[in-house]
Amino acid sequence: AEIKAYVKHNSTSMVVFDDDLSPSQLRNL
């Protein structure tokens, strides 16, 4: 929720994760 609020208020175009995401994690995010 904290990340979502930052993305929304700062017009962020991309979120980068420091690990590999599973297909389901990718879809959910």
mmCIF file of all heavy atoms, coordinates in Angstrom:
data_MODEL
# 
_entry.id   MODEL 
# 
loop_
_atom_site.group_PDB 
_atom_site.id 
_atom_site.type_symbol 
_atom_site.label_atom_id 
_atom_site.label_alt_id 
_atom_site.label_comp_id 
_atom_site.label_asym_id 
_atom_site.label_entity_id 
_atom_site.label_seq_id 
_atom_site.pdbx_PDB_ins_code 
_atom_site.Cartn_x 
_atom_site.Cartn_y 
_atom_site.Cartn_z 
_atom_site.occupancy 
_atom_site.B_iso_or_equiv 
_atom_site.pdbx_formal_charge 
_atom_site.auth_seq_id 
_atom_site.auth_comp_id 
_atom_site.auth_asym_id 
_atom_site.auth_atom_id 
_atom_site.pdbx_PDB_model_num 
ATOM 1   N N   . ALA A 1 1  ? 0.836  -1.209  0.000   1.00 0.00 ? 1  ALA A N   1 
ATOM 2   C CA  . ALA A 1 1  ? 0.000  0.000   0.000   1.00 0.00 ? 1  ALA A CA  1 
ATOM 3   C C   . ALA A 1 1  ? 0.869  1.258   0.000   1.00 0.00 ? 1  ALA A C   1 
ATOM 4   O O   . ALA A 1 1  ? 0.550  2.251   -0.668  1.00 0.00 ? 1  ALA A O   1 
ATOM 5   C CB  . ALA A 1 1  ? -0.923 -0.017  1.217   1.00 0.00 ? 1  ALA A CB  1 
ATOM 6   N N   . GLU A 1 2  ? 1.992  1.201   0.740   1.00 0.00 ? 2  GLU A N   1 
ATOM 7   C CA  . GLU A 1 2  ? 2.929  2.336   0.785   1.00 0.00 ? 2  GLU A CA  1 
ATOM 8   C C   . GLU A 1 2  ? 3.547  2.576   -0.598  1.00 0.00 ? 2  GLU A C   1 
ATOM 9   O O   . GLU A 1 2  ? 3.655  3.724   -1.061  1.00 0.00 ? 2  GLU A O   1 
ATOM 10  C CB  . GLU A 1 2  ? 4.007  2.033   1.826   1.00 0.00 ? 2  GLU A CB  1 
ATOM 11  C CG  . GLU A 1 2  ? 4.973  3.163   2.079   1.00 0.00 ? 2  GLU A CG  1 
ATOM 12  C CD  . GLU A 1 2  ? 6.062  2.776   3.068   1.00 0.00 ? 2  GLU A CD  1 
ATOM 13  O OE1 . GLU A 1 2  ? 5.847  1.809   3.843   1.00 0.00 ? 2  GLU A OE1 1 
ATOM 14  O OE2 . GLU A 1 2  ? 7.127  3.422   3.064   1.00 0.00 ? 2  GLU A OE2 1 
ATOM 15  N N   . ILE A 1 3  ? 3.941  1.494   -1.264  1.00 0.00 ? 3  ILE A N   1 
ATOM 16  C CA  . ILE A 1 3  ? 4.520  1.607   -2.609  1.00 0.00 ? 3  ILE A CA  1 
ATOM 17  C C   . ILE A 1 3  ? 3.479  2.147   -3.586  1.00 0.00 ? 3  ILE A C   1 
ATOM 18  O O   . ILE A 1 3  ? 3.773  3.019   -4.421  1.00 0.00 ? 3  ILE A O   1 
ATOM 19  C CB  . ILE A 1 3  ? 5.049  0.232   -3.081  1.00 0.00 ? 3  ILE A CB  1 
ATOM 20  C CG1 . ILE A 1 3  ? 6.201  -0.228  -2.185  1.00 0.00 ? 3  ILE A CG1 1 
ATOM 21  C CG2 . ILE A 1 3  ? 5.505  0.293   -4.536  1.00 0.00 ? 3  ILE A CG2 1 
ATOM 22  C CD1 . ILE A 1 3  ? 6.616  -1.675  -2.397  1.00 0.00 ? 3  ILE A CD1 1 
ATOM 23  N N   . LYS A 1 4  ? 2.249  1.636   -3.477  1.00 0.00 ? 4  LYS A N   1 
ATOM 24  C CA  . LYS A 1 4  ? 1.167  2.073   -4.376  1.00 0.00 ? 4  LYS A CA  1 
ATOM 25  C C   . LYS A 1 4  ? 0.908  3.571   -4.227  1.00 0.00 ? 4  LYS A C   1 
ATOM 26  O O   . LYS A 1 4  ? 0.716  4.286   -5.220  1.00 0.00 ? 4  LYS A O   1 
ATOM 27  C CB  . LYS A 1 4  ? -0.093 1.279   -4.075  1.00 0.00 ? 4  LYS A CB  1 
ATOM 28  C CG  . LYS A 1 4  ? -1.239 1.557   -5.032  1.00 0.00 ? 4  LYS A CG  1 
ATOM 29  C CD  . LYS A 1 4  ? -2.425 0.658   -4.732  1.00 0.00 ? 4  LYS A CD  1 
ATOM 30  C CE  . LYS A 1 4  ? -3.573 0.934   -5.719  1.00 0.00 ? 4  LYS A CE  1 
ATOM 31  N NZ  . LYS A 1 4  ? -4.740 0.044   -5.437  1.00 0.00 ? 4  LYS A NZ  1 
ATOM 32  N N   . ALA A 1 5  ? 0.904  4.071   -2.991  1.00 0.00 ? 5  ALA A N   1 
ATOM 33  C CA  . ALA A 1 5  ? 0.674  5.497   -2.747  1.00 0.00 ? 5  ALA A CA  1 
ATOM 34  C C   . ALA A 1 5  ? 1.798  6.338   -3.354  1.00 0.00 ? 5  ALA A C   1 
ATOM 35  O O   . ALA A 1 5  ? 1.549  7.390   -3.973  1.00 0.00 ? 5  ALA A O   1 
ATOM 36  C CB  . ALA A 1 5  ? 0.566  5.754   -1.242  1.00 0.00 ? 5  ALA A CB  1 
ATOM 37  N N   . TYR A 1 6  ? 3.054  5.866   -3.206  1.00 0.00 ? 6  TYR A N   1 
ATOM 38  C CA  . TYR A 1 6  ? 4.187  6.607   -3.772  1.00 0.00 ? 6  TYR A CA  1 
ATOM 39  C C   . TYR A 1 6  ? 4.105  6.634   -5.300  1.00 0.00 ? 6  TYR A C   1 
ATOM 40  O O   . TYR A 1 6  ? 4.307  7.687   -5.922  1.00 0.00 ? 6  TYR A O   1 
ATOM 41  C CB  . TYR A 1 6  ? 5.507  5.973   -3.333  1.00 0.00 ? 6  TYR A CB  1 
ATOM 42  C CG  . TYR A 1 6  ? 6.707  6.678   -3.922  1.00 0.00 ? 6  TYR A CG  1 
ATOM 43  C CD1 . TYR A 1 6  ? 7.263  7.784   -3.297  1.00 0.00 ? 6  TYR A CD1 1 
ATOM 44  C CD2 . TYR A 1 6  ? 7.275  6.238   -5.117  1.00 0.00 ? 6  TYR A CD2 1 
ATOM 45  C CE1 . TYR A 1 6  ? 8.344  8.446   -3.840  1.00 0.00 ? 6  TYR A CE1 1 
ATOM 46  C CE2 . TYR A 1 6  ? 8.363  6.895   -5.675  1.00 0.00 ? 6  TYR A CE2 1 
ATOM 47  C CZ  . TYR A 1 6  ? 8.891  7.995   -5.037  1.00 0.00 ? 6  TYR A CZ  1 
ATOM 48  O OH  . TYR A 1 6  ? 9.959  8.656   -5.592  1.00 0.00 ? 6  TYR A OH  1 
ATOM 49  N N   . VAL A 1 7  ? 3.812  5.483   -5.890  1.00 0.00 ? 7  VAL A N   1 
ATOM 50  C CA  . VAL A 1 7  ? 3.711  5.389   -7.356  1.00 0.00 ? 7  VAL A CA  1 
ATOM 51  C C   . VAL A 1 7  ? 2.637  6.341   -7.880  1.00 0.00 ? 7  VAL A C   1 
ATOM 52  O O   . VAL A 1 7  ? 2.830  7.048   -8.877  1.00 0.00 ? 7  VAL A O   1 
ATOM 53  C CB  . VAL A 1 7  ? 3.407  3.931   -7.775  1.00 0.00 ? 7  VAL A CB  1 
ATOM 54  C CG1 . VAL A 1 7  ? 2.989  3.869   -9.242  1.00 0.00 ? 7  VAL A CG1 1 
ATOM 55  C CG2 . VAL A 1 7  ? 4.626  3.044   -7.532  1.00 0.00 ? 7  VAL A CG2 1 
ATOM 56  N N   . LYS A 1 8  ? 1.505  6.370   -7.189  1.00 0.00 ? 8  LYS A N   1 
ATOM 57  C CA  . LYS A 1 8  ? 0.366  7.197   -7.635  1.00 0.00 ? 8  LYS A CA  1 
ATOM 58  C C   . LYS A 1 8  ? 0.682  8.686   -7.544  1.00 0.00 ? 8  LYS A C   1 
ATOM 59  O O   . LYS A 1 8  ? 0.361  9.461   -8.457  1.00 0.00 ? 8  LYS A O   1 
ATOM 60  C CB  . LYS A 1 8  ? -0.862 6.861   -6.791  1.00 0.00 ? 8  LYS A CB  1 
ATOM 61  C CG  . LYS A 1 8  ? -2.117 7.593   -7.219  1.00 0.00 ? 8  LYS A CG  1 
ATOM 62  C CD  . LYS A 1 8  ? -3.306 7.154   -6.378  1.00 0.00 ? 8  LYS A CD  1 
ATOM 63  C CE  . LYS A 1 8  ? -4.571 7.901   -6.826  1.00 0.00 ? 8  LYS A CE  1 
ATOM 64  N NZ  . LYS A 1 8  ? -5.744 7.494   -5.999  1.00 0.00 ? 8  LYS A NZ  1 
ATOM 65  N N   . HIS A 1 9  ? 1.344  9.105   -6.467  1.00 0.00 ? 9  HIS A N   1 
ATOM 66  C CA  . HIS A 1 9  ? 1.570  10.531  -6.242  1.00 0.00 ? 9  HIS A CA  1 
ATOM 67  C C   . HIS A 1 9  ? 2.825  11.072  -6.924  1.00 0.00 ? 9  HIS A C   1 
ATOM 68  O O   . HIS A 1 9  ? 3.022  12.289  -6.966  1.00 0.00 ? 9  HIS A O   1 
ATOM 69  C CB  . HIS A 1 9  ? 1.643  10.816  -4.739  1.00 0.00 ? 9  HIS A CB  1 
ATOM 70  C CG  . HIS A 1 9  ? 0.325  10.700  -4.044  1.00 0.00 ? 9  HIS A CG  1 
ATOM 71  N ND1 . HIS A 1 9  ? -0.070 9.546   -3.383  1.00 0.00 ? 9  HIS A ND1 1 
ATOM 72  C CD2 . HIS A 1 9  ? -0.706 11.568  -3.926  1.00 0.00 ? 9  HIS A CD2 1 
ATOM 73  C CE1 . HIS A 1 9  ? -1.280 9.721   -2.874  1.00 0.00 ? 9  HIS A CE1 1 
ATOM 74  N NE2 . HIS A 1 9  ? -1.695 10.942  -3.190  1.00 0.00 ? 9  HIS A NE2 1 
ATOM 75  N N   . ASN A 1 10 ? 3.664  10.208  -7.442  1.00 0.00 ? 10 ASN A N   1 
ATOM 76  C CA  . ASN A 1 10 ? 4.914  10.675  -8.052  1.00 0.00 ? 10 ASN A CA  1 
ATOM 77  C C   . ASN A 1 10 ? 5.031  10.305  -9.524  1.00 0.00 ? 10 ASN A C   1 
ATOM 78  O O   . ASN A 1 10 ? 6.109  10.460  -10.106 1.00 0.00 ? 10 ASN A O   1 
ATOM 79  C CB  . ASN A 1 10 ? 6.110  10.114  -7.281  1.00 0.00 ? 10 ASN A CB  1 
ATOM 80  C CG  . ASN A 1 10 ? 6.215  10.676  -5.873  1.00 0.00 ? 10 ASN A CG  1 
ATOM 81  O OD1 . ASN A 1 10 ? 6.782  11.735  -5.657  1.00 0.00 ? 10 ASN A OD1 1 
ATOM 82  N ND2 . ASN A 1 10 ? 5.644  9.966   -4.910  1.00 0.00 ? 10 ASN A ND2 1 
ATOM 83  N N   . SER A 1 11 ? 3.937  9.821   -10.110 1.00 0.00 ? 11 SER A N   1 
ATOM 84  C CA  . SER A 1 11 ? 3.923  9.466   -11.543 1.00 0.00 ? 11 SER A CA  1 
ATOM 85  C C   . SER A 1 11 ? 5.070  8.535   -11.908 1.00 0.00 ? 11 SER A C   1 
ATOM 86  O O   . SER A 1 11 ? 5.738  8.701   -12.938 1.00 0.00 ? 11 SER A O   1 
ATOM 87  C CB  . SER A 1 11 ? 3.974  10.729  -12.406 1.00 0.00 ? 11 SER A CB  1 
ATOM 88  O OG  . SER A 1 11 ? 2.892  11.577  -12.114 1.00 0.00 ? 11 SER A OG  1 
ATOM 89  N N   . THR A 1 12 ? 5.345  7.580   -11.038 1.00 0.00 ? 12 THR A N   1 
ATOM 90  C CA  . THR A 1 12 ? 6.406  6.602   -11.289 1.00 0.00 ? 12 THR A CA  1 
ATOM 91  C C   . THR A 1 12 ? 6.002  5.676   -12.434 1.00 0.00 ? 12 THR A C   1 
ATOM 92  O O   . THR A 1 12 ? 4.860  5.216   -12.493 1.00 0.00 ? 12 THR A O   1 
ATOM 93  C CB  . THR A 1 12 ? 6.674  5.769   -10.017 1.00 0.00 ? 12 THR A CB  1 
ATOM 94  O OG1 . THR A 1 12 ? 7.010  6.662   -8.953  1.00 0.00 ? 12 THR A OG1 1 
ATOM 95  C CG2 . THR A 1 12 ? 7.806  4.790   -10.232 1.00 0.00 ? 12 THR A CG2 1 
ATOM 96  N N   . SER A 1 13 ? 6.926  5.399   -13.350 1.00 0.00 ? 13 SER A N   1 
ATOM 97  C CA  . SER A 1 13 ? 6.592  4.582   -14.521 1.00 0.00 ? 13 SER A CA  1 
ATOM 98  C C   . SER A 1 13 ? 6.983  3.124   -14.363 1.00 0.00 ? 13 SER A C   1 
ATOM 99  O O   . SER A 1 13 ? 6.555  2.276   -15.160 1.00 0.00 ? 13 SER A O   1 
ATOM 100 C CB  . SER A 1 13 ? 7.297  5.151   -15.764 1.00 0.00 ? 13 SER A CB  1 
ATOM 101 O OG  . SER A 1 13 ? 8.700  5.134   -15.566 1.00 0.00 ? 13 SER A OG  1 
ATOM 102 N N   . MET A 1 14 ? 7.793  2.812   -13.342 1.00 0.00 ? 14 MET A N   1 
ATOM 103 C CA  . MET A 1 14 ? 8.298  1.444   -13.239 1.00 0.00 ? 14 MET A CA  1 
ATOM 104 C C   . MET A 1 14 ? 8.711  1.152   -11.793 1.00 0.00 ? 14 MET A C   1 
ATOM 105 O O   . MET A 1 14 ? 9.211  2.029   -11.101 1.00 0.00 ? 14 MET A O   1 
ATOM 106 C CB  . MET A 1 14 ? 9.502  1.271   -14.179 1.00 0.00 ? 14 MET A CB  1 
ATOM 107 C CG  . MET A 1 14 ? 10.148 -0.096  -14.201 1.00 0.00 ? 14 MET A CG  1 
ATOM 108 S SD  . MET A 1 14 ? 11.356 -0.227  -15.550 1.00 0.00 ? 14 MET A SD  1 
ATOM 109 C CE  . MET A 1 14 ? 12.538 1.039   -15.084 1.00 0.00 ? 14 MET A CE  1 
ATOM 110 N N   . VAL A 1 15 ? 8.483  -0.075  -11.347 1.00 0.00 ? 15 VAL A N   1 
ATOM 111 C CA  . VAL A 1 15 ? 8.940  -0.531  -10.033 1.00 0.00 ? 15 VAL A CA  1 
ATOM 112 C C   . VAL A 1 15 ? 9.861  -1.719  -10.252 1.00 0.00 ? 15 VAL A C   1 
ATOM 113 O O   . VAL A 1 15 ? 9.493  -2.691  -10.926 1.00 0.00 ? 15 VAL A O   1 
ATOM 114 C CB  . VAL A 1 15 ? 7.758  -0.928  -9.121  1.00 0.00 ? 15 VAL A CB  1 
ATOM 115 C CG1 . VAL A 1 15 ? 8.278  -1.404  -7.765  1.00 0.00 ? 15 VAL A CG1 1 
ATOM 116 C CG2 . VAL A 1 15 ? 6.807  0.252   -8.923  1.00 0.00 ? 15 VAL A CG2 1 
ATOM 117 N N   . VAL A 1 16 ? 11.076 -1.649  -9.693  1.00 0.00 ? 16 VAL A N   1 
ATOM 118 C CA  . VAL A 1 16 ? 12.094 -2.681  -9.899  1.00 0.00 ? 16 VAL A CA  1 
ATOM 119 C C   . VAL A 1 16 ? 12.315 -3.438  -8.592  1.00 0.00 ? 16 VAL A C   1 
ATOM 120 O O   . VAL A 1 16 ? 12.518 -2.825  -7.536  1.00 0.00 ? 16 VAL A O   1 
ATOM 121 C CB  . VAL A 1 16 ? 13.424 -2.059  -10.375 1.00 0.00 ? 16 VAL A CB  1 
ATOM 122 C CG1 . VAL A 1 16 ? 14.465 -3.159  -10.606 1.00 0.00 ? 16 VAL A CG1 1 
ATOM 123 C CG2 . VAL A 1 16 ? 13.216 -1.261  -11.645 1.00 0.00 ? 16 VAL A CG2 1 
ATOM 124 N N   . PHE A 1 17 ? 12.294 -4.758  -8.669  1.00 0.00 ? 17 PHE A N   1 
ATOM 125 C CA  . PHE A 1 17 ? 12.482 -5.622  -7.502  1.00 0.00 ? 17 PHE A CA  1 
ATOM 126 C C   . PHE A 1 17 ? 13.858 -6.275  -7.557  1.00 0.00 ? 17 PHE A C   1 
ATOM 127 O O   . PHE A 1 17 ? 14.309 -6.696  -8.627  1.00 0.00 ? 17 PHE A O   1 
ATOM 128 C CB  . PHE A 1 17 ? 11.385 -6.680  -7.439  1.00 0.00 ? 17 PHE A CB  1 
ATOM 129 C CG  . PHE A 1 17 ? 10.018 -6.113  -7.130  1.00 0.00 ? 17 PHE A CG  1 
ATOM 130 C CD1 . PHE A 1 17 ? 9.270  -5.488  -8.118  1.00 0.00 ? 17 PHE A CD1 1 
ATOM 131 C CD2 . PHE A 1 17 ? 9.498  -6.189  -5.853  1.00 0.00 ? 17 PHE A CD2 1 
ATOM 132 C CE1 . PHE A 1 17 ? 8.019  -4.947  -7.843  1.00 0.00 ? 17 PHE A CE1 1 
ATOM 133 C CE2 . PHE A 1 17 ? 8.249  -5.649  -5.560  1.00 0.00 ? 17 PHE A CE2 1 
ATOM 134 C CZ  . PHE A 1 17 ? 7.510  -5.028  -6.555  1.00 0.00 ? 17 PHE A CZ  1 
ATOM 135 N N   . ASP A 1 18 ? 14.495 -6.389  -6.394  1.00 0.00 ? 18 ASP A N   1 
ATOM 136 C CA  . ASP A 1 18 ? 15.871 -6.889  -6.333  1.00 0.00 ? 18 ASP A CA  1 
ATOM 137 C C   . ASP A 1 18 ? 15.950 -8.414  -6.319  1.00 0.00 ? 18 ASP A C   1 
ATOM 138 O O   . ASP A 1 18 ? 17.000 -8.979  -6.047  1.00 0.00 ? 18 ASP A O   1 
ATOM 139 C CB  . ASP A 1 18 ? 16.580 -6.333  -5.093  1.00 0.00 ? 18 ASP A CB  1 
ATOM 140 C CG  . ASP A 1 18 ? 18.085 -6.555  -5.152  1.00 0.00 ? 18 ASP A CG  1 
ATOM 141 O OD1 . ASP A 1 18 ? 18.649 -6.485  -6.250  1.00 0.00 ? 18 ASP A OD1 1 
ATOM 142 O OD2 . ASP A 1 18 ? 18.691 -6.826  -4.101  1.00 0.00 ? 18 ASP A OD2 1 
ATOM 143 N N   . ASP A 1 19 ? 14.874 -9.088  -6.585  1.00 0.00 ? 19 ASP A N   1 
ATOM 144 C CA  . ASP A 1 19 ? 14.864 -10.549 -6.700  1.00 0.00 ? 19 ASP A CA  1 
ATOM 145 C C   . ASP A 1 19 ? 14.032 -10.934 -7.904  1.00 0.00 ? 19 ASP A C   1 
ATOM 146 O O   . ASP A 1 19 ? 13.329 -10.099 -8.497  1.00 0.00 ? 19 ASP A O   1 
ATOM 147 C CB  . ASP A 1 19 ? 14.269 -11.185 -5.434  1.00 0.00 ? 19 ASP A CB  1 
ATOM 148 C CG  . ASP A 1 19 ? 15.263 -11.222 -4.285  1.00 0.00 ? 19 ASP A CG  1 
ATOM 149 O OD1 . ASP A 1 19 ? 16.332 -11.835 -4.460  1.00 0.00 ? 19 ASP A OD1 1 
ATOM 150 O OD2 . ASP A 1 19 ? 14.971 -10.631 -3.231  1.00 0.00 ? 19 ASP A OD2 1 
ATOM 151 N N   . ASP A 1 20 ? 14.103 -12.201 -8.278  1.00 0.00 ? 20 ASP A N   1 
ATOM 152 C CA  . ASP A 1 20 ? 13.238 -12.703 -9.348  1.00 0.00 ? 20 ASP A CA  1 
ATOM 153 C C   . ASP A 1 20 ? 11.828 -12.880 -8.812  1.00 0.00 ? 20 ASP A C   1 
ATOM 154 O O   . ASP A 1 20 ? 11.629 -13.390 -7.710  1.00 0.00 ? 20 ASP A O   1 
ATOM 155 C CB  . ASP A 1 20 ? 13.761 -14.037 -9.876  1.00 0.00 ? 20 ASP A CB  1 
ATOM 156 C CG  . ASP A 1 20 ? 15.013 -13.856 -10.721 1.00 0.00 ? 20 ASP A CG  1 
ATOM 157 O OD1 . ASP A 1 20 ? 15.358 -12.688 -10.995 1.00 0.00 ? 20 ASP A OD1 1 
ATOM 158 O OD2 . ASP A 1 20 ? 15.633 -14.861 -11.095 1.00 0.00 ? 20 ASP A OD2 1 
ATOM 159 N N   . LEU A 1 21 ? 10.842 -12.474 -9.599  1.00 0.00 ? 21 LEU A N   1 
ATOM 160 C CA  . LEU A 1 21 ? 9.442  -12.620 -9.231  1.00 0.00 ? 21 LEU A CA  1 
ATOM 161 C C   . LEU A 1 21 ? 8.846  -13.820 -9.938  1.00 0.00 ? 21 LEU A C   1 
ATOM 162 O O   . LEU A 1 21 ? 9.179  -14.094 -11.102 1.00 0.00 ? 21 LEU A O   1 
ATOM 163 C CB  . LEU A 1 21 ? 8.655  -11.361 -9.614  1.00 0.00 ? 21 LEU A CB  1 
ATOM 164 C CG  . LEU A 1 21 ? 9.088  -10.048 -8.958  1.00 0.00 ? 21 LEU A CG  1 
ATOM 165 C CD1 . LEU A 1 21 ? 8.326  -8.881  -9.558  1.00 0.00 ? 21 LEU A CD1 1 
ATOM 166 C CD2 . LEU A 1 21 ? 8.890  -10.097 -7.454  1.00 0.00 ? 21 LEU A CD2 1 
ATOM 167 N N   . SER A 1 22 ? 7.978  -14.528 -9.252  1.00 0.00 ? 22 SER A N   1 
ATOM 168 C CA  . SER A 1 22 ? 7.258  -15.634 -9.891  1.00 0.00 ? 22 SER A CA  1 
ATOM 169 C C   . SER A 1 22 ? 6.203  -15.049 -10.837 1.00 0.00 ? 22 SER A C   1 
ATOM 170 O O   . SER A 1 22 ? 5.828  -13.879 -10.698 1.00 0.00 ? 22 SER A O   1 
ATOM 171 C CB  . SER A 1 22 ? 6.586  -16.511 -8.836  1.00 0.00 ? 22 SER A CB  1 
ATOM 172 O OG  . SER A 1 22 ? 5.527  -15.789 -8.207  1.00 0.00 ? 22 SER A OG  1 
ATOM 173 N N   . PRO A 1 23 ? 5.714  -15.842 -11.808 1.00 0.00 ? 23 PRO A N   1 
ATOM 174 C CA  . PRO A 1 23 ? 4.663  -15.343 -12.704 1.00 0.00 ? 23 PRO A CA  1 
ATOM 175 C C   . PRO A 1 23 ? 3.446  -14.806 -11.959 1.00 0.00 ? 23 PRO A C   1 
ATOM 176 O O   . PRO A 1 23 ? 2.887  -13.775 -12.334 1.00 0.00 ? 23 PRO A O   1 
ATOM 177 C CB  . PRO A 1 23 ? 4.317  -16.567 -13.553 1.00 0.00 ? 23 PRO A CB  1 
ATOM 178 C CG  . PRO A 1 23 ? 5.574  -17.372 -13.583 1.00 0.00 ? 23 PRO A CG  1 
ATOM 179 C CD  . PRO A 1 23 ? 6.195  -17.169 -12.230 1.00 0.00 ? 23 PRO A CD  1 
ATOM 180 N N   . SER A 1 24 ? 3.043  -15.475 -10.886 1.00 0.00 ? 24 SER A N   1 
ATOM 181 C CA  . SER A 1 24 ? 1.861  -15.022 -10.142 1.00 0.00 ? 24 SER A CA  1 
ATOM 182 C C   . SER A 1 24 ? 2.154  -13.715 -9.403  1.00 0.00 ? 24 SER A C   1 
ATOM 183 O O   . SER A 1 24 ? 1.307  -12.814 -9.356  1.00 0.00 ? 24 SER A O   1 
ATOM 184 C CB  . SER A 1 24 ? 1.415  -16.101 -9.141  1.00 0.00 ? 24 SER A CB  1 
ATOM 185 O OG  . SER A 1 24 ? 2.436  -16.369 -8.200  1.00 0.00 ? 24 SER A OG  1 
ATOM 186 N N   . GLN A 1 25 ? 3.357  -13.579 -8.821  1.00 0.00 ? 25 GLN A N   1 
ATOM 187 C CA  . GLN A 1 25 ? 3.722  -12.324 -8.165  1.00 0.00 ? 25 GLN A CA  1 
ATOM 188 C C   . GLN A 1 25 ? 3.734  -11.179 -9.174  1.00 0.00 ? 25 GLN A C   1 
ATOM 189 O O   . GLN A 1 25 ? 3.252  -10.076 -8.883  1.00 0.00 ? 25 GLN A O   1 
ATOM 190 C CB  . GLN A 1 25 ? 5.103  -12.451 -7.511  1.00 0.00 ? 25 GLN A CB  1 
ATOM 191 C CG  . GLN A 1 25 ? 5.129  -13.279 -6.242  1.00 0.00 ? 25 GLN A CG  1 
ATOM 192 C CD  . GLN A 1 25 ? 6.542  -13.485 -5.724  1.00 0.00 ? 25 GLN A CD  1 
ATOM 193 O OE1 . GLN A 1 25 ? 7.504  -13.531 -6.490  1.00 0.00 ? 25 GLN A OE1 1 
ATOM 194 N NE2 . GLN A 1 25 ? 6.677  -13.624 -4.410  1.00 0.00 ? 25 GLN A NE2 1 
ATOM 195 N N   . LEU A 1 26 ? 4.257  -11.449 -10.354 1.00 0.00 ? 26 LEU A N   1 
ATOM 196 C CA  . LEU A 1 26 ? 4.314  -10.435 -11.405 1.00 0.00 ? 26 LEU A CA  1 
ATOM 197 C C   . LEU A 1 26 ? 2.916  -9.960  -11.782 1.00 0.00 ? 26 LEU A C   1 
ATOM 198 O O   . LEU A 1 26 ? 2.649  -8.750  -11.875 1.00 0.00 ? 26 LEU A O   1 
ATOM 199 C CB  . LEU A 1 26 ? 5.029  -11.011 -12.628 1.00 0.00 ? 26 LEU A CB  1 
ATOM 200 C CG  . LEU A 1 26 ? 5.404  -10.051 -13.760 1.00 0.00 ? 26 LEU A CG  1 
ATOM 201 C CD1 . LEU A 1 26 ? 6.396  -9.013  -13.271 1.00 0.00 ? 26 LEU A CD1 1 
ATOM 202 C CD2 . LEU A 1 26 ? 5.979  -10.812 -14.935 1.00 0.00 ? 26 LEU A CD2 1 
ATOM 203 N N   . ARG A 1 27 ? 1.994  -10.910 -11.972 1.00 0.00 ? 27 ARG A N   1 
ATOM 204 C CA  . ARG A 1 27 ? 0.613  -10.553 -12.332 1.00 0.00 ? 27 ARG A CA  1 
ATOM 205 C C   . ARG A 1 27 ? -0.062 -9.766  -11.212 1.00 0.00 ? 27 ARG A C   1 
ATOM 206 O O   . ARG A 1 27 ? -0.721 -8.751  -11.462 1.00 0.00 ? 27 ARG A O   1 
ATOM 207 C CB  . ARG A 1 27 ? -0.192 -11.821 -12.635 1.00 0.00 ? 27 ARG A CB  1 
ATOM 208 C CG  . ARG A 1 27 ? 0.184  -12.505 -13.925 1.00 0.00 ? 27 ARG A CG  1 
ATOM 209 C CD  . ARG A 1 27 ? -0.888 -13.503 -14.341 1.00 0.00 ? 27 ARG A CD  1 
ATOM 210 N NE  . ARG A 1 27 ? -1.118 -14.525 -13.326 1.00 0.00 ? 27 ARG A NE  1 
ATOM 211 C CZ  . ARG A 1 27 ? -0.418 -15.656 -13.244 1.00 0.00 ? 27 ARG A CZ  1 
ATOM 212 N NH1 . ARG A 1 27 ? 0.558  -15.895 -14.106 1.00 0.00 ? 27 ARG A NH1 1 
ATOM 213 N NH2 . ARG A 1 27 ? -0.683 -16.549 -12.307 1.00 0.00 ? 27 ARG A NH2 1 
ATOM 214 N N   . ASN A 1 28 ? 0.099  -10.217 -9.980  1.00 0.00 ? 28 ASN A N   1 
ATOM 215 C CA  . ASN A 1 28 ? -0.541 -9.544  -8.850  1.00 0.00 ? 28 ASN A CA  1 
ATOM 216 C C   . ASN A 1 28 ? -0.019 -8.126  -8.659  1.00 0.00 ? 28 ASN A C   1 
ATOM 217 O O   . ASN A 1 28 ? -0.785 -7.196  -8.382  1.00 0.00 ? 28 ASN A O   1 
ATOM 218 C CB  . ASN A 1 28 ? -0.319 -10.356 -7.564  1.00 0.00 ? 28 ASN A CB  1 
ATOM 219 C CG  . ASN A 1 28 ? -1.032 -11.702 -7.594  1.00 0.00 ? 28 ASN A CG  1 
ATOM 220 O OD1 . ASN A 1 28 ? -2.025 -11.872 -8.301  1.00 0.00 ? 28 ASN A OD1 1 
ATOM 221 N ND2 . ASN A 1 28 ? -0.524 -12.661 -6.840  1.00 0.00 ? 28 ASN A ND2 1 
ATOM 222 N N   . LEU A 1 29 ? 1.277  -7.951  -8.814  1.00 0.00 ? 29 LEU A N   1 
ATOM 223 C CA  . LEU A 1 29 ? 1.868  -6.625  -8.638  1.00 0.00 ? 29 LEU A CA  1 
ATOM 224 C C   . LEU A 1 29 ? 1.454  -5.675  -9.753  1.00 0.00 ? 29 LEU A C   1 
ATOM 225 O O   . LEU A 1 29 ? 1.177  -4.491  -9.509  1.00 0.00 ? 29 LEU A O   1 
ATOM 226 C CB  . LEU A 1 29 ? 3.394  -6.740  -8.571  1.00 0.00 ? 29 LEU A CB  1 
ATOM 227 C CG  . LEU A 1 29 ? 3.955  -7.347  -7.278  1.00 0.00 ? 29 LEU A CG  1 
ATOM 228 C CD1 . LEU A 1 29 ? 5.419  -7.739  -7.450  1.00 0.00 ? 29 LEU A CD1 1 
ATOM 229 C CD2 . LEU A 1 29 ? 3.804  -6.361  -6.121  1.00 0.00 ? 29 LEU A CD2 1 
# 
